C-alpha atoms as a PDB file:
ATOM      1  CA  MET A   1     206.346-160.903 106.184  1.00  0.00           C
ATOM      2  CA  ARG A   2     206.079-164.659 106.356  1.00  0.00           C
ATOM      3  CA  GLN A   3     202.619-165.850 105.329  1.00  0.00           C
ATOM      4  CA  ARG A   4     200.583-168.414 107.220  1.00  0.00           C
ATOM      5  CA  LEU A   5     198.883-171.215 105.295  1.00  0.00           C
ATOM      6  CA  HIS A   6     195.299-171.893 106.181  1.00  0.00           C
ATOM      7  CA  ASP A   7     192.749-174.422 105.026  1.00  0.00           C
ATOM      8  CA  CYS A   8     189.918-173.166 102.815  1.00  0.00           C
ATOM      9  CA  VAL A   9     186.800-175.008 101.825  1.00  0.00           C
ATOM     10  CA  VAL A  10     186.194-175.613  98.114  1.00  0.00           C
ATOM     11  CA  GLU A  11     182.508-175.960  97.325  1.00  0.00           C
ATOM     12  CA  TRP A  12     182.008-177.573  93.945  1.00  0.00           C
ATOM     13  CA  THR A  13     179.433-175.809  91.839  1.00  0.00           C
ATOM     14  CA  GLY A  14     178.068-175.964  88.295  1.00  0.00           C
ATOM     15  CA  ALA A  15     178.563-179.156  86.267  1.00  0.00           C
ATOM     16  CA  ALA A  16     181.047-180.575  88.750  1.00  0.00           C
ATOM     17  CA  GLY A  17     178.736-179.955  91.688  1.00  0.00           C
ATOM     18  CA  GLN A  18     175.845-181.630  89.889  1.00  0.00           C
ATOM     19  CA  ALA A  19     177.983-184.609  88.932  1.00  0.00           C
ATOM     20  CA  LEU A  20     179.065-185.031  92.542  1.00  0.00           C
ATOM     21  CA  GLY A  21     175.630-184.413  93.997  1.00  0.00           C
ATOM     22  CA  ASN A  22     176.610-180.964  95.375  1.00  0.00           C
ATOM     23  CA  LYS A  23     177.850-182.774  98.458  1.00  0.00           C
ATOM     24  CA  VAL A  24     181.603-182.798  97.944  1.00  0.00           C
ATOM     25  CA  ARG A  25     183.836-180.280  99.654  1.00  0.00           C
ATOM     26  CA  SER A  26     187.572-180.177  99.394  1.00  0.00           C
ATOM     27  CA  THR A  27     190.252-177.876 100.734  1.00  0.00           C
ATOM     28  CA  VAL A  28     193.077-175.820  99.301  1.00  0.00           C
ATOM     29  CA  PRO A  29     195.868-173.978 101.053  1.00  0.00           C
ATOM     30  CA  PHE A  30     195.159-170.281 101.294  1.00  0.00           C
ATOM     31  CA  ALA A  31     197.809-167.760 102.347  1.00  0.00           C
ATOM     32  CA  LEU A  32     196.561-165.170 104.823  1.00  0.00           C
ATOM     33  CA  GLY A  33     198.680-162.291 105.916  1.00  0.00           C
ATOM     34  CA  GLU A  34     199.189-158.572 105.557  1.00  0.00           C
ATOM     35  CA  PRO A  35     198.446-156.782 103.432  1.00  0.00           C
ATOM     36  CA  ARG A  36     194.958-158.235 102.670  1.00  0.00           C
ATOM     37  CA  ARG A  37     193.549-155.116 101.087  1.00  0.00           C
ATOM     38  CA  GLY A  38     191.931-155.734  97.736  1.00  0.00           C
ATOM     39  CA  LEU A  39     191.258-159.425  98.328  1.00  0.00           C
ATOM     40  CA  SER A  40     187.650-160.415  97.810  1.00  0.00           C
ATOM     41  CA  LYS A  41     185.958-162.736 100.262  1.00  0.00           C
ATOM     42  CA  ARG A  42     185.260-165.352  97.627  1.00  0.00           C
ATOM     43  CA  PHE A  43     187.556-166.706  94.927  1.00  0.00           C
ATOM     44  CA  ARG A  44     186.673-168.762  91.878  1.00  0.00           C
ATOM     45  CA  ILE A  45     188.930-171.668  91.016  1.00  0.00           C
ATOM     46  CA  GLY A  46     187.832-173.608  87.959  1.00  0.00           C
ATOM     47  CA  LEU A  47     184.410-174.996  88.829  1.00  0.00           C
ATOM     48  CA  GLY A  48     184.781-174.396  92.546  1.00  0.00           C
ATOM     49  CA  ALA A  49     184.727-171.466  94.906  1.00  0.00           C
ATOM     50  CA  VAL A  50     187.083-170.712  97.793  1.00  0.00           C
ATOM     51  CA  ASP A  51     185.617-168.769 100.689  1.00  0.00           C
ATOM     52  CA  PRO A  52     188.151-167.292 103.147  1.00  0.00           C
ATOM     53  CA  ALA A  53     185.373-167.040 105.692  1.00  0.00           C
ATOM     54  CA  HIS A  54     185.569-170.848 105.998  1.00  0.00           C
ATOM     55  CA  CYS A  55     189.320-170.945 106.587  1.00  0.00           C
ATOM     56  CA  ILE A  56     190.433-172.965 109.598  1.00  0.00           C
ATOM     57  CA  ASP A  57     193.987-173.166 110.919  1.00  0.00           C
ATOM     58  CA  GLN A  58     195.500-176.540 110.029  1.00  0.00           C
ATOM     59  CA  PRO A  59     198.970-178.051 110.314  1.00  0.00           C
ATOM     60  CA  ARG A  60     201.033-177.218 107.252  1.00  0.00           C
ATOM     61  CA  GLU A  61     201.453-180.835 106.082  1.00  0.00           C
ATOM     62  CA  GLU A  62     197.740-181.543 106.312  1.00  0.00           C
ATOM     63  CA  THR A  63     196.969-178.329 104.505  1.00  0.00           C
ATOM     64  CA  MET A  64     199.330-179.139 101.674  1.00  0.00           C
ATOM     65  CA  ARG A  65     197.959-182.683 101.365  1.00  0.00           C
ATOM     66  CA  ARG A  66     194.459-181.377 100.979  1.00  0.00           C
ATOM     67  CA  GLY A  67     195.674-178.745  98.592  1.00  0.00           C
ATOM     68  CA  VAL A  68     197.119-181.409  96.301  1.00  0.00           C
ATOM     69  CA  LEU A  69     193.796-183.269  96.450  1.00  0.00           C
ATOM     70  CA  ALA A  70     191.931-180.158  95.394  1.00  0.00           C
ATOM     71  CA  ILE A  71     194.323-179.582  92.501  1.00  0.00           C
ATOM     72  CA  LEU A  72     193.808-183.165  91.321  1.00  0.00           C
ATOM     73  CA  LEU A  73     190.078-182.607  91.377  1.00  0.00           C
ATOM     74  CA  LEU A  74     190.529-179.491  89.291  1.00  0.00           C
ATOM     75  CA  LEU A  75     192.705-181.376  86.816  1.00  0.00           C
ATOM     76  CA  ALA A  76     189.920-183.928  86.486  1.00  0.00           C
ATOM     77  CA  GLN A  77     187.555-181.199  85.312  1.00  0.00           C
ATOM     78  CA  PRO A  78     187.374-182.495  81.673  1.00  0.00           C
ATOM     79  CA  ALA A  79     185.886-185.726  82.985  1.00  0.00           C
ATOM     80  CA  PHE A  80     182.831-183.843  84.174  1.00  0.00           C
ATOM     81  CA  ALA A  81     182.199-182.555  80.647  1.00  0.00           C
ATOM     82  CA  GLY A  82     181.899-186.111  79.343  1.00  0.00           C
ATOM     83  CA  GLU A  83     179.959-187.381  82.335  1.00  0.00           C
ATOM     84  CA  LYS A  84     176.812-187.937  80.280  1.00  0.00           C
ATOM     85  CA  GLU A  85     178.529-190.201  77.746  1.00  0.00           C
ATOM     86  CA  LYS A  86     177.829-193.879  78.255  1.00  0.00           C
ATOM     87  CA  LEU A  87     180.313-196.638  77.485  1.00  0.00           C
ATOM     88  CA  TYR A  88     178.639-199.094  75.135  1.00  0.00           C
ATOM     89  CA  SER A  89     181.318-201.651  74.276  1.00  0.00           C
ATOM     90  CA  SER A  90     185.007-202.307  73.623  1.00  0.00           C
ATOM     91  CA  THR A  91     186.530-204.165  70.686  1.00  0.00           C
ATOM     92  CA  LEU A  92     189.855-205.416  69.373  1.00  0.00           C
ATOM     93  CA  ASP A  93     189.958-205.801  65.586  1.00  0.00           C
ATOM     94  CA  VAL A  94     192.132-206.519  62.602  1.00  0.00           C
ATOM     95  CA  ARG A  95     191.034-204.334  59.678  1.00  0.00           C
ATOM     96  CA  THR A  96     191.773-203.531  56.080  1.00  0.00           C
ATOM     97  CA  VAL A  97     190.367-200.396  54.452  1.00  0.00           C
ATOM     98  CA  LEU A  98     189.951-199.858  50.717  1.00  0.00           C
ATOM     99  CA  SER A  99     189.139-196.262  49.766  1.00  0.00           C
ATOM    100  CA  PHE A 100     187.601-195.529  46.371  1.00  0.00           C
ATOM    101  CA  LYS A 101     186.640-192.635  44.157  1.00  0.00           C
ATOM    102  CA  VAL A 102     183.195-193.540  42.817  1.00  0.00           C
ATOM    103  CA  ALA A 103     180.809-191.405  40.794  1.00  0.00           C
ATOM    104  CA  ASP A 104     179.954-188.332  42.880  1.00  0.00           C
ATOM    105  CA  SER A 105     176.271-188.626  42.002  1.00  0.00           C
ATOM    106  CA  ALA A 106     176.179-192.254  43.152  1.00  0.00           C
ATOM    107  CA  ALA A 107     177.805-191.435  46.489  1.00  0.00           C
ATOM    108  CA  GLN A 108     175.557-188.424  47.023  1.00  0.00           C
ATOM    109  CA  ARG A 109     172.403-190.496  46.474  1.00  0.00           C
ATOM    110  CA  MET A 110     173.397-192.691  49.412  1.00  0.00           C
ATOM    111  CA  LEU A 111     173.320-189.773  51.860  1.00  0.00           C
ATOM    112  CA  PRO A 112     170.276-188.438  53.729  1.00  0.00           C
ATOM    113  CA  GLU A 113     168.821-185.041  52.898  1.00  0.00           C
ATOM    114  CA  GLY A 114     170.926-182.131  54.073  1.00  0.00           C
ATOM    115  CA  TRP A 115     174.247-183.989  53.858  1.00  0.00           C
ATOM    116  CA  GLN A 116     176.996-183.579  51.278  1.00  0.00           C
ATOM    117  CA  VAL A 117     179.927-185.774  50.279  1.00  0.00           C
ATOM    118  CA  GLU A 118     183.149-184.249  51.626  1.00  0.00           C
ATOM    119  CA  PRO A 119     186.250-186.113  50.342  1.00  0.00           C
ATOM    120  CA  PRO A 120     189.504-185.630  52.270  1.00  0.00           C
ATOM    121  CA  ASN A 121     191.801-183.071  50.658  1.00  0.00           C
ATOM    122  CA  THR A 122     194.971-184.374  52.310  1.00  0.00           C
ATOM    123  CA  GLY A 123     196.474-187.693  53.347  1.00  0.00           C
ATOM    124  CA  PRO A 124     196.843-191.060  51.622  1.00  0.00           C
ATOM    125  CA  SER A 125     193.098-191.266  50.832  1.00  0.00           C
ATOM    126  CA  LYS A 126     192.930-187.790  49.311  1.00  0.00           C
ATOM    127  CA  GLY A 127     190.020-187.500  46.886  1.00  0.00           C
ATOM    128  CA  SER A 128     188.225-190.690  47.937  1.00  0.00           C
ATOM    129  CA  ASN A 129     184.486-190.571  48.602  1.00  0.00           C
ATOM    130  CA  LEU A 130     183.707-194.145  49.661  1.00  0.00           C
ATOM    131  CA  SER A 131     185.560-196.639  51.865  1.00  0.00           C
ATOM    132  CA  VAL A 132     185.000-200.347  52.304  1.00  0.00           C
ATOM    133  CA  VAL A 133     186.065-201.179  55.849  1.00  0.00           C
ATOM    134  CA  LEU A 134     186.806-204.902  56.243  1.00  0.00           C
ATOM    135  CA  VAL A 135     186.461-205.964  59.876  1.00  0.00           C
ATOM    136  CA  ASP A 136     187.773-209.106  61.575  1.00  0.00           C
ATOM    137  CA  GLN A 137     186.894-208.703  65.245  1.00  0.00           C
ATOM    138  CA  ILE A 138     189.088-210.660  67.645  1.00  0.00           C
ATOM    139  CA  LEU A 139     187.411-209.602  70.882  1.00  0.00           C
ATOM    140  CA  ALA A 140     184.220-207.771  71.806  1.00  0.00           C
ATOM    141  CA  GLN A 141     183.027-206.839  75.309  1.00  0.00           C
ATOM    142  CA  ASP A 142     180.017-205.011  76.657  1.00  0.00           C
ATOM    143  CA  ALA A 143     180.223-202.025  79.006  1.00  0.00           C
ATOM    144  CA  GLU A 144     180.758-204.336  81.978  1.00  0.00           C
ATOM    145  CA  GLY A 145     183.606-206.219  80.296  1.00  0.00           C
ATOM    146  CA  LYS A 146     181.571-209.343  79.546  1.00  0.00           C
ATOM    147  CA  PRO A 147     182.233-211.080  76.196  1.00  0.00           C
ATOM    148  CA  ILE A 148     179.713-210.501  73.397  1.00  0.00           C
ATOM    149  CA  ASP A 149     179.565-211.781  69.823  1.00  0.00           C
ATOM    150  CA  ALA A 150     182.591-210.756  67.778  1.00  0.00           C
ATOM    151  CA  VAL A 151     181.666-209.662  64.253  1.00  0.00           C
ATOM    152  CA  ARG A 152     183.123-209.951  60.778  1.00  0.00           C
ATOM    153  CA  GLY A 153     181.997-207.874  57.868  1.00  0.00           C
ATOM    154  CA  ALA A 154     182.377-205.077  55.345  1.00  0.00           C
ATOM    155  CA  ALA A 155     181.068-201.611  56.205  1.00  0.00           C
ATOM    156  CA  LEU A 156     180.448-198.936  53.563  1.00  0.00           C
ATOM    157  CA  VAL A 157     181.471-195.498  54.790  1.00  0.00           C
ATOM    158  CA  ILE A 158     181.220-192.077  53.124  1.00  0.00           C
ATOM    159  CA  PRO A 159     183.013-188.933  54.362  1.00  0.00           C
ATOM    160  CA  ALA A 160     180.152-186.473  54.703  1.00  0.00           C
ATOM    161  CA  LYS A 161     179.307-183.105  56.129  1.00  0.00           C
ATOM    162  CA  LYS A 162     176.066-181.476  57.190  1.00  0.00           C
ATOM    163  CA  GLN A 163     175.534-177.736  56.917  1.00  0.00           C
ATOM    164  CA  GLY A 164     176.893-176.118  60.051  1.00  0.00           C
ATOM    165  CA  MET A 165     179.532-178.783  60.731  1.00  0.00           C
ATOM    166  CA  GLU A 166     183.137-177.660  60.945  1.00  0.00           C
ATOM    167  CA  LYS A 167     184.561-180.821  59.413  1.00  0.00           C
ATOM    168  CA  ALA A 168     183.501-184.022  57.711  1.00  0.00           C
ATOM    169  CA  VAL A 169     182.527-187.125  59.664  1.00  0.00           C
ATOM    170  CA  ALA A 170     182.241-190.788  58.778  1.00  0.00           C
ATOM    171  CA  MET A 171     178.719-191.837  57.757  1.00  0.00           C
ATOM    172  CA  VAL A 172     177.924-195.548  57.593  1.00  0.00           C
ATOM    173  CA  ILE A 173     175.586-196.137  54.648  1.00  0.00           C
ATOM    174  CA  GLY A 174     175.402-199.939  54.842  1.00  0.00           C
ATOM    175  CA  GLY A 175     177.292-203.139  55.406  1.00  0.00           C
ATOM    176  CA  LEU A 176     177.412-206.917  55.147  1.00  0.00           C
ATOM    177  CA  PHE A 177     178.026-208.558  58.527  1.00  0.00           C
ATOM    178  CA  SER A 178     178.055-211.819  60.421  1.00  0.00           C
ATOM    179  CA  PRO A 179     176.655-213.202  62.749  1.00  0.00           C
ATOM    180  CA  THR A 180     172.905-212.780  62.279  1.00  0.00           C
ATOM    181  CA  SER A 181     172.599-211.032  65.659  1.00  0.00           C
ATOM    182  CA  TYR A 182     174.522-208.045  64.265  1.00  0.00           C
ATOM    183  CA  ALA A 183     171.899-207.183  61.630  1.00  0.00           C
ATOM    184  CA  PRO A 184     170.560-204.522  61.228  1.00  0.00           C
ATOM    185  CA  GLY A 185     173.328-203.437  63.593  1.00  0.00           C
ATOM    186  CA  PRO A 186     173.955-200.210  65.508  1.00  0.00           C
ATOM    187  CA  TYR A 187     173.481-198.041  62.406  1.00  0.00           C
ATOM    188  CA  SER A 188     170.239-199.766  61.322  1.00  0.00           C
ATOM    189  CA  ASN A 189     171.508-200.583  57.817  1.00  0.00           C
ATOM    190  CA  PHE A 190     173.564-203.787  58.050  1.00  0.00           C
ATOM    191  CA  VAL A 191     172.411-207.035  56.448  1.00  0.00           C
ATOM    192  CA  TYR A 192     173.466-210.530  57.414  1.00  0.00           C
ATOM    193  CA  ALA A 193     176.110-212.104  55.193  1.00  0.00           C
ATOM    194  CA  LYS A 194     178.006-215.371  55.342  1.00  0.00           C
ATOM    195  CA  ALA A 195     181.627-214.582  56.119  1.00  0.00           C
ATOM    196  CA  ASP A 196     184.712-216.434  54.901  1.00  0.00           C
ATOM    197  CA  LEU A 197     188.131-215.030  55.866  1.00  0.00           C
ATOM    198  CA  ASP A 198     191.674-216.225  55.307  1.00  0.00           C
ATOM    199  CA  ARG A 199     194.916-214.522  56.345  1.00  0.00           C
ATOM    200  CA  LYS A 200     198.477-215.762  55.850  1.00  0.00           C
ATOM    201  CA  ILE A 201     201.593-214.047  57.179  1.00  0.00           C
ATOM    202  CA  HIS A 202     205.103-215.112  56.213  1.00  0.00           C
ATOM    203  CA  SER A 203     208.361-213.552  57.448  1.00  0.00           C
ATOM    204  CA  ASP A 204     211.601-214.608  55.747  1.00  0.00           C
ATOM    205  CA  PRO A 205     215.092-214.713  57.327  1.00  0.00           C
ATOM    206  CA  ALA A 206     215.802-211.220  55.994  1.00  0.00           C
ATOM    207  CA  GLY A 207     212.903-209.833  58.020  1.00  0.00           C
ATOM    208  CA  THR A 208     210.593-209.145  55.083  1.00  0.00           C
ATOM    209  CA  THR A 209     206.964-209.898  55.909  1.00  0.00           C
ATOM    210  CA  ARG A 210     204.388-210.716  53.260  1.00  0.00           C
ATOM    211  CA  VAL A 211     200.673-210.833  53.982  1.00  0.00           C
ATOM    212  CA  GLU A 212     197.921-212.516  51.995  1.00  0.00           C
ATOM    213  CA  GLU A 213     194.273-211.821  52.798  1.00  0.00           C
ATOM    214  CA  SER A 214     191.031-213.175  51.376  1.00  0.00           C
ATOM    215  CA  TRP A 215     187.674-211.697  52.438  1.00  0.00           C
ATOM    216  CA  SER A 216     184.285-212.965  51.258  1.00  0.00           C
ATOM    217  CA  PHE A 217     180.829-211.765  52.344  1.00  0.00           C
ATOM    218  CA  THR A 218     177.639-212.967  50.645  1.00  0.00           C
ATOM    219  CA  THR A 219     174.010-212.223  51.564  1.00  0.00           C
ATOM    220  CA  ASP A 220     171.026-214.483  50.944  1.00  0.00           C
ATOM    221  CA  SER A 221     169.737-211.961  48.388  1.00  0.00           C
ATOM    222  CA  GLY A 222     172.918-212.116  46.322  1.00  0.00           C
ATOM    223  CA  ASP A 223     174.857-209.022  47.406  1.00  0.00           C
ATOM    224  CA  SER A 224     178.509-209.875  47.640  1.00  0.00           C
ATOM    225  CA  VAL A 225     181.912-208.381  48.453  1.00  0.00           C
ATOM    226  CA  GLN A 226     185.014-210.369  47.462  1.00  0.00           C
ATOM    227  CA  VAL A 227     188.530-209.103  48.211  1.00  0.00           C
ATOM    228  CA  GLN A 228     191.960-210.670  47.728  1.00  0.00           C
ATOM    229  CA  ILE A 229     195.111-208.764  48.649  1.00  0.00           C
ATOM    230  CA  GLN A 230     198.789-209.647  48.775  1.00  0.00           C
ATOM    231  CA  TYR A 231     201.317-207.100  50.010  1.00  0.00           C
ATOM    232  CA  THR A 232     204.656-206.540  51.714  1.00  0.00           C
ATOM    233  CA  ARG A 233     204.252-205.168  55.207  1.00  0.00           C
ATOM    234  CA  GLY A 234     205.765-201.773  55.997  1.00  0.00           C
ATOM    235  CA  VAL A 235     206.449-199.940  59.235  1.00  0.00           C
ATOM    236  CA  PRO A 236     203.044-198.998  60.694  1.00  0.00           C
ATOM    237  CA  GLY A 237     202.178-195.654  62.205  1.00  0.00           C
ATOM    238  CA  ARG A 238     200.562-195.557  65.630  1.00  0.00           C
ATOM    239  CA  ALA A 239     197.881-193.070  66.625  1.00  0.00           C
ATOM    240  CA  ASN A 240     195.135-192.343  69.129  1.00  0.00           C
ATOM    241  CA  VAL A 241     191.933-191.119  67.512  1.00  0.00           C
ATOM    242  CA  GLU A 242     188.518-189.841  68.576  1.00  0.00           C
ATOM    243  CA  ALA A 243     185.788-189.843  65.927  1.00  0.00           C
ATOM    244  CA  LEU A 244     182.040-189.398  65.597  1.00  0.00           C
ATOM    245  CA  VAL A 245     180.452-191.993  63.318  1.00  0.00           C
ATOM    246  CA  TYR A 246     176.956-191.312  61.986  1.00  0.00           C
ATOM    247  CA  SER A 247     174.210-193.516  60.567  1.00  0.00           C
ATOM    248  CA  GLY A 248     173.013-192.971  57.007  1.00  0.00           C
ATOM    249  CA  ALA A 249     169.684-194.573  57.917  1.00  0.00           C
ATOM    250  CA  LYS A 250     169.170-192.413  61.038  1.00  0.00           C
ATOM    251  CA  PRO A 251     171.300-189.293  60.498  1.00  0.00           C
ATOM    252  CA  ASP A 252     170.617-187.906  63.972  1.00  0.00           C
ATOM    253  CA  PHE A 253     172.216-190.992  65.524  1.00  0.00           C
ATOM    254  CA  TYR A 254     175.939-191.279  66.042  1.00  0.00           C
ATOM    255  CA  ARG A 255     178.448-193.075  68.246  1.00  0.00           C
ATOM    256  CA  VAL A 256     181.722-191.823  69.675  1.00  0.00           C
ATOM    257  CA  TYR A 257     184.794-193.925  68.894  1.00  0.00           C
ATOM    258  CA  ARG A 258     187.962-193.591  70.950  1.00  0.00           C
ATOM    259  CA  TYR A 259     190.610-195.927  69.648  1.00  0.00           C
ATOM    260  CA  GLU A 260     194.280-196.647  69.232  1.00  0.00           C
ATOM    261  CA  GLN A 261     195.430-198.193  65.981  1.00  0.00           C
ATOM    262  CA  ALA A 262     198.475-199.138  63.952  1.00  0.00           C
ATOM    263  CA  THR A 263     198.108-198.261  60.254  1.00  0.00           C
ATOM    264  CA  ASP A 264     200.171-199.452  57.309  1.00  0.00           C
ATOM    265  CA  VAL A 265     199.408-197.604  54.068  1.00  0.00           C
ATOM    266  CA  VAL A 266     199.996-200.324  51.487  1.00  0.00           C
ATOM    267  CA  ARG A 267     198.925-198.312  48.451  1.00  0.00           C
ATOM    268  CA  SER A 268     198.137-194.641  47.880  1.00  0.00           C
ATOM    269  CA  THR A 269     197.737-192.720  44.647  1.00  0.00           C
ATOM    270  CA  ALA A 270     198.226-189.493  46.619  1.00  0.00           C
ATOM    271  CA  THR A 271     201.639-190.418  48.058  1.00  0.00           C
ATOM    272  CA  GLY A 272     202.838-192.813  45.366  1.00  0.00           C
ATOM    273  CA  THR A 273     203.132-195.685  47.836  1.00  0.00           C
ATOM    274  CA  ASP A 274     202.583-199.176  46.438  1.00  0.00           C
ATOM    275  CA  ARG A 275     203.671-202.387  48.170  1.00  0.00           C
ATOM    276  CA  ALA A 276     200.746-204.452  46.891  1.00  0.00           C
ATOM    277  CA  GLN A 277     201.601-207.402  44.680  1.00  0.00           C
ATOM    278  CA  LYS A 278     197.986-208.441  44.135  1.00  0.00           C
ATOM    279  CA  VAL A 279     194.645-206.664  44.528  1.00  0.00           C
ATOM    280  CA  SER A 280     191.253-208.025  43.500  1.00  0.00           C
ATOM    281  CA  PHE A 281     187.978-206.391  44.460  1.00  0.00           C
ATOM    282  CA  LYS A 282     184.498-207.377  43.335  1.00  0.00           C
ATOM    283  CA  ALA A 283     181.181-206.011  44.593  1.00  0.00           C
ATOM    284  CA  SER A 284     177.876-207.135  43.139  1.00  0.00           C
ATOM    285  CA  GLY A 285     174.169-207.163  43.885  1.00  0.00           C
ATOM    286  CA  ARG A 286     171.268-204.752  43.873  1.00  0.00           C
ATOM    287  CA  GLN A 287     172.637-202.523  46.649  1.00  0.00           C
ATOM    288  CA  LEU A 288     176.289-202.501  45.604  1.00  0.00           C
ATOM    289  CA  THR A 289     176.215-202.301  41.804  1.00  0.00           C
ATOM    290  CA  PRO A 290     175.055-198.622  41.723  1.00  0.00           C
ATOM    291  CA  LEU A 291     178.244-197.707  43.588  1.00  0.00           C
ATOM    292  CA  PHE A 292     180.642-200.135  41.939  1.00  0.00           C
ATOM    293  CA  ASP A 293     179.711-200.003  38.244  1.00  0.00           C
ATOM    294  CA  GLY A 294     183.242-200.496  36.923  1.00  0.00           C
ATOM    295  CA  SER A 295     184.162-196.808  36.839  1.00  0.00           C
ATOM    296  CA  GLU A 296     185.407-196.695  40.434  1.00  0.00           C
ATOM    297  CA  GLN A 297     189.058-195.913  41.140  1.00  0.00           C
ATOM    298  CA  LEU A 298     190.988-197.470  44.016  1.00  0.00           C
ATOM    299  CA  ILE A 299     192.698-194.583  45.840  1.00  0.00           C
ATOM    300  CA  SER A 300     194.283-196.326  48.824  1.00  0.00           C
ATOM    301  CA  ILE A 301     194.668-199.557  50.752  1.00  0.00           C
ATOM    302  CA  THR A 302     195.383-199.356  54.483  1.00  0.00           C
ATOM    303  CA  ALA A 303     196.168-202.405  56.600  1.00  0.00           C
ATOM    304  CA  ILE A 304     195.282-202.043  60.283  1.00  0.00           C
ATOM    305  CA  PRO A 305     196.778-205.028  62.109  1.00  0.00           C
ATOM    306  CA  TRP A 306     195.771-203.634  65.494  1.00  0.00           C
ATOM    307  CA  TYR A 307     192.660-201.602  66.306  1.00  0.00           C
ATOM    308  CA  SER A 308     191.646-201.208  69.969  1.00  0.00           C
ATOM    309  CA  ARG A 309     188.427-199.229  70.440  1.00  0.00           C
ATOM    310  CA  GLN A 310     185.950-198.032  73.037  1.00  0.00           C
ATOM    311  CA  ILE A 311     182.485-197.080  71.825  1.00  0.00           C
ATOM    312  CA  PHE A 312     180.430-194.480  73.670  1.00  0.00           C
ATOM    313  CA  LEU A 313     176.845-193.336  73.247  1.00  0.00           C
ATOM    314  CA  PRO A 314     176.298-189.595  73.604  1.00  0.00           C
ATOM    315  CA  GLY A 315     174.196-188.194  76.435  1.00  0.00           C
ATOM    316  CA  SER A 316     170.701-186.906  75.867  1.00  0.00           C
END
């Protein structure tokens, strides 16, 4: 028997209904015909409910059009789950990351109570427990797309895990940043530092590209990070990443990063990669010396020539 398509009302309930003010109704095509035995009067579809009692005969084309609309709404269901997240800002950066193995006791002392250092056990930074993330921000915008101060600095990040967590997260334990408006920063532990950056890129006729970078950050109290790197550029890998980044000063606070980046692993003790011709790293001062006492080992260097990020604040 040929079935007749009818139009059924979809009433959005649950999280979707709340997000839409419980006022949105859509329609889906519903086939009515014999036999109908065993069919309940109400059907659940995702977050919505279809009630045959509300079916109204409609032309087939109109019914199908509305059916497609309802399916699109259902496919958008994941958006409702993140409805409470709030876009904070967007940035475009050039970065270089140096990952170290420092004394376990020194790294552990930088973490709040209840947290443990959790080094990665795979990848080019395998075994590292502290990263110095050098940031050269090209563009920064607020949630409305208006320009805000771009920052330059060095963030100190430890891979850490709290009891009950499935995997380690990045915990920012401090940083030296410019301009002054960025201190103490979103993680409440940045200090203002004068920034001096230099980057040179040279490509020869054979297509080989060499990069030279110089990073210098110095605070008024004497803390300082000085980095000079020279390397041959490789073929970068491209990836989309979502990460939660926590504050070492306020461990209950975190931000959600969603970003796309291109990464070039210049050096890695785990993979045996080494295209660095020159590496010089110096960290000094009251806050940095306990971590960098001369016993630290450089595990990896990762150049990130392109880092496009959206930052979200979690809902309450």
